[in-house]
Amino acid sequence: MRRTEIDEAILSNVSTTWKKVALVVVKVANESGISFADEDDDFEVVAKHIEFLVGEGRLLAQGNLKNWRSSEICKSMGAQ
């Protein structure tokens, strides 16, 4: 599993409109076709990558990202 694969899967499931973090986490973990390491929790891995992308300014966030059901993300206007 490469970081870029997960980041690309997240970014392809997010647009410039707000989406619940929980929806994106589940969709990427279950439908992306990415092979996660057996010892990792797929959902937690995706959530961590969302946090990285927010930290890099590639995604915008509102709410507490640790609380997936009540936080939202969208693409930053400067993101690809």
N, C-alpha and C. Protein backbone atom coordinates (compact mmCIF):
# COMPACT_ATOMS: atom_id res chain seq x y z
N MET A 1 0.85 -1.18 0.00
CA MET A 1 0.00 0.00 0.00
C MET A 1 0.89 1.24 0.00
N ARG A 2 0.66 2.09 -0.93
CA ARG A 2 1.42 3.33 -1.01
C ARG A 2 0.55 4.50 -0.59
N ARG A 3 1.15 5.48 0.00
CA ARG A 3 0.39 6.64 0.45
C ARG A 3 -0.32 7.32 -0.71
N THR A 4 0.34 7.42 -1.85
CA THR A 4 -0.28 8.12 -2.98
C THR A 4 -1.55 7.42 -3.45
N GLU A 5 -1.58 6.09 -3.38
CA GLU A 5 -2.79 5.35 -3.79
C GLU A 5 -3.98 5.74 -2.91
N ILE A 6 -3.75 5.78 -1.63
CA ILE A 6 -4.84 6.12 -0.70
C ILE A 6 -5.24 7.57 -0.87
N ASP A 7 -4.26 8.47 -0.98
CA ASP A 7 -4.56 9.88 -1.18
C ASP A 7 -5.37 10.10 -2.45
N GLU A 8 -4.99 9.45 -3.52
CA GLU A 8 -5.73 9.59 -4.79
C GLU A 8 -7.15 9.06 -4.67
N ALA A 9 -7.32 7.95 -3.96
CA ALA A 9 -8.66 7.39 -3.76
C ALA A 9 -9.53 8.35 -2.95
N ILE A 10 -8.95 8.95 -1.93
CA ILE A 10 -9.70 9.93 -1.13
C ILE A 10 -10.08 11.12 -1.98
N LEU A 11 -9.10 11.69 -2.68
CA LEU A 11 -9.37 12.88 -3.49
C LEU A 11 -10.38 12.61 -4.61
N SER A 12 -10.41 11.40 -5.12
CA SER A 12 -11.38 11.09 -6.18
C SER A 12 -12.80 10.92 -5.62
N ASN A 13 -12.93 10.78 -4.31
CA ASN A 13 -14.24 10.65 -3.68
C ASN A 13 -14.71 11.95 -3.02
N VAL A 14 -13.95 13.01 -3.22
CA VAL A 14 -14.28 14.30 -2.62
C VAL A 14 -14.35 15.35 -3.73
N SER A 15 -15.26 16.28 -3.58
CA SER A 15 -15.37 17.37 -4.55
C SER A 15 -15.31 18.70 -3.81
N THR A 16 -15.74 19.76 -4.44
CA THR A 16 -15.73 21.07 -3.79
C THR A 16 -16.96 21.29 -2.91
N THR A 17 -17.84 20.30 -2.85
CA THR A 17 -18.97 20.36 -1.92
C THR A 17 -18.65 19.49 -0.70
N TRP A 18 -19.17 19.86 0.44
CA TRP A 18 -18.86 19.18 1.69
C TRP A 18 -19.44 17.77 1.71
N LYS A 19 -18.64 16.81 2.21
CA LYS A 19 -19.08 15.43 2.41
C LYS A 19 -18.68 14.98 3.80
N LYS A 20 -19.51 14.15 4.41
CA LYS A 20 -19.19 13.60 5.72
C LYS A 20 -17.92 12.76 5.64
N VAL A 21 -17.06 12.91 6.62
CA VAL A 21 -15.82 12.13 6.68
C VAL A 21 -16.16 10.64 6.73
N ALA A 22 -17.18 10.26 7.50
CA ALA A 22 -17.56 8.85 7.61
C ALA A 22 -17.87 8.25 6.25
N LEU A 23 -18.58 8.98 5.42
CA LEU A 23 -18.94 8.48 4.08
C LEU A 23 -17.69 8.24 3.24
N VAL A 24 -16.77 9.17 3.26
CA VAL A 24 -15.54 9.04 2.47
C VAL A 24 -14.67 7.90 3.00
N VAL A 25 -14.55 7.79 4.32
CA VAL A 25 -13.74 6.73 4.92
C VAL A 25 -14.27 5.36 4.50
N VAL A 26 -15.56 5.14 4.65
CA VAL A 26 -16.16 3.84 4.32
C VAL A 26 -16.04 3.55 2.83
N LYS A 27 -16.32 4.54 2.02
CA LYS A 27 -16.26 4.34 0.57
C LYS A 27 -14.85 3.97 0.11
N VAL A 28 -13.86 4.69 0.58
CA VAL A 28 -12.47 4.42 0.17
C VAL A 28 -12.01 3.06 0.71
N ALA A 29 -12.30 2.78 1.97
CA ALA A 29 -11.85 1.52 2.58
C ALA A 29 -12.50 0.31 1.93
N ASN A 30 -13.77 0.44 1.55
CA ASN A 30 -14.51 -0.71 1.03
C ASN A 30 -14.52 -0.84 -0.48
N GLU A 31 -14.41 0.27 -1.19
CA GLU A 31 -14.64 0.23 -2.63
C GLU A 31 -13.45 0.64 -3.49
N SER A 32 -12.35 1.02 -2.89
CA SER A 32 -11.24 1.55 -3.68
C SER A 32 -10.41 0.47 -4.35
N GLY A 33 -10.47 -0.76 -3.85
CA GLY A 33 -9.64 -1.82 -4.39
C GLY A 33 -8.20 -1.78 -3.90
N ILE A 34 -7.92 -0.92 -2.94
CA ILE A 34 -6.58 -0.82 -2.37
C ILE A 34 -6.38 -1.98 -1.40
N SER A 35 -5.23 -2.58 -1.46
CA SER A 35 -4.90 -3.67 -0.55
C SER A 35 -4.22 -3.10 0.68
N PHE A 36 -4.93 -3.09 1.79
CA PHE A 36 -4.38 -2.58 3.04
C PHE A 36 -3.61 -3.70 3.74
N ALA A 37 -2.65 -3.35 4.56
CA ALA A 37 -1.90 -4.34 5.34
C ALA A 37 -2.86 -5.02 6.31
N ASP A 38 -2.70 -6.30 6.49
CA ASP A 38 -3.60 -7.08 7.34
C ASP A 38 -3.68 -6.58 8.77
N GLU A 39 -2.58 -6.07 9.28
CA GLU A 39 -2.59 -5.65 10.68
C GLU A 39 -3.19 -4.26 10.89
N ASP A 40 -3.49 -3.56 9.83
CA ASP A 40 -4.04 -2.21 9.94
C ASP A 40 -5.56 -2.23 9.84
N ASP A 41 -6.21 -1.32 10.55
CA ASP A 41 -7.64 -1.11 10.42
C ASP A 41 -7.82 -0.19 9.22
N ASP A 42 -8.43 -0.70 8.17
CA ASP A 42 -8.58 0.05 6.92
C ASP A 42 -9.20 1.43 7.15
N PHE A 43 -10.24 1.48 7.98
CA PHE A 43 -10.93 2.75 8.22
C PHE A 43 -10.01 3.76 8.90
N GLU A 44 -9.24 3.30 9.87
CA GLU A 44 -8.31 4.20 10.57
C GLU A 44 -7.22 4.70 9.64
N VAL A 45 -6.74 3.85 8.75
CA VAL A 45 -5.71 4.24 7.79
C VAL A 45 -6.24 5.35 6.89
N VAL A 46 -7.44 5.17 6.36
CA VAL A 46 -8.04 6.19 5.49
C VAL A 46 -8.24 7.49 6.26
N ALA A 47 -8.74 7.39 7.49
CA ALA A 47 -8.97 8.59 8.30
C ALA A 47 -7.67 9.35 8.55
N LYS A 48 -6.59 8.62 8.80
CA LYS A 48 -5.28 9.27 9.00
C LYS A 48 -4.84 10.01 7.73
N HIS A 49 -5.07 9.40 6.59
CA HIS A 49 -4.70 10.05 5.33
C HIS A 49 -5.54 11.29 5.08
N ILE A 50 -6.79 11.27 5.48
CA ILE A 50 -7.62 12.47 5.38
C ILE A 50 -7.01 13.58 6.23
N GLU A 51 -6.59 13.23 7.44
CA GLU A 51 -5.95 14.23 8.30
C GLU A 51 -4.68 14.78 7.66
N PHE A 52 -3.88 13.91 7.04
CA PHE A 52 -2.67 14.37 6.33
C PHE A 52 -3.03 15.36 5.22
N LEU A 53 -4.04 15.01 4.43
CA LEU A 53 -4.44 15.87 3.31
C LEU A 53 -4.96 17.21 3.78
N VAL A 54 -5.66 17.22 4.91
CA VAL A 54 -6.12 18.49 5.48
C VAL A 54 -4.91 19.30 5.95
N GLY A 55 -3.97 18.63 6.60
CA GLY A 55 -2.76 19.30 7.08
C GLY A 55 -1.93 19.90 5.95
N GLU A 56 -1.95 19.24 4.79
CA GLU A 56 -1.22 19.73 3.62
C GLU A 56 -1.99 20.81 2.87
N GLY A 57 -3.22 21.05 3.25
CA GLY A 57 -4.03 22.06 2.57
C GLY A 57 -4.71 21.56 1.30
N ARG A 58 -4.66 20.27 1.06
CA ARG A 58 -5.29 19.72 -0.14
C ARG A 58 -6.78 19.47 0.06
N LEU A 59 -7.20 19.34 1.33
CA LEU A 59 -8.61 19.23 1.69
C LEU A 59 -8.92 20.28 2.75
N LEU A 60 -10.15 20.75 2.75
CA LEU A 60 -10.64 21.63 3.80
C LEU A 60 -11.49 20.78 4.73
N ALA A 61 -11.55 21.16 5.99
CA ALA A 61 -12.33 20.40 6.96
C ALA A 61 -13.14 21.34 7.83
N GLN A 62 -14.28 20.83 8.28
CA GLN A 62 -15.05 21.53 9.31
C GLN A 62 -15.50 20.49 10.32
N GLY A 63 -15.36 20.84 11.58
CA GLY A 63 -15.66 19.90 12.65
C GLY A 63 -14.41 19.16 13.08
N ASN A 64 -14.57 18.27 14.05
CA ASN A 64 -13.48 17.49 14.59
C ASN A 64 -13.29 16.25 13.73
N LEU A 65 -12.16 16.14 13.05
CA LEU A 65 -11.92 15.02 12.15
C LEU A 65 -11.90 13.67 12.86
N LYS A 66 -11.70 13.67 14.17
CA LYS A 66 -11.74 12.42 14.93
C LYS A 66 -13.17 11.90 15.06
N ASN A 67 -14.13 12.78 14.91
CA ASN A 67 -15.54 12.40 14.97
C ASN A 67 -16.08 12.37 13.55
N TRP A 68 -15.93 11.23 12.89
CA TRP A 68 -16.21 11.11 11.46
C TRP A 68 -17.64 11.47 11.09
N ARG A 69 -18.59 11.16 11.94
CA ARG A 69 -20.00 11.37 11.61
C ARG A 69 -20.43 12.84 11.68
N SER A 70 -19.67 13.65 12.39
CA SER A 70 -20.08 15.05 12.51
C SER A 70 -19.05 16.02 11.92
N SER A 71 -18.11 15.49 11.16
CA SER A 71 -17.15 16.37 10.47
C SER A 71 -17.27 16.17 8.97
N GLU A 72 -16.86 17.18 8.24
CA GLU A 72 -16.99 17.17 6.79
C GLU A 72 -15.69 17.63 6.14
N ILE A 73 -15.50 17.19 4.91
CA ILE A 73 -14.33 17.60 4.13
C ILE A 73 -14.77 17.95 2.71
N CYS A 74 -13.97 18.77 2.08
CA CYS A 74 -14.14 19.08 0.66
C CYS A 74 -12.77 19.43 0.10
N LYS A 75 -12.69 19.44 -1.24
CA LYS A 75 -11.42 19.79 -1.88
C LYS A 75 -11.15 21.27 -1.71
N SER A 76 -9.90 21.56 -1.47
CA SER A 76 -9.45 22.94 -1.45
C SER A 76 -9.42 23.42 -2.90
N MET A 77 -9.71 24.66 -3.12
CA MET A 77 -9.71 25.19 -4.50
C MET A 77 -8.34 25.04 -5.16
N GLY A 78 -7.27 25.00 -4.37
CA GLY A 78 -5.93 24.85 -4.90
C GLY A 78 -5.53 23.40 -5.15
N ALA A 79 -6.34 22.46 -4.69
CA ALA A 79 -6.01 21.03 -4.85
C ALA A 79 -6.29 20.57 -6.26
N GLN A 80 -5.58 19.50 -6.66
CA GLN A 80 -5.77 18.97 -8.01
C GLN A 80 -7.07 18.24 -8.10
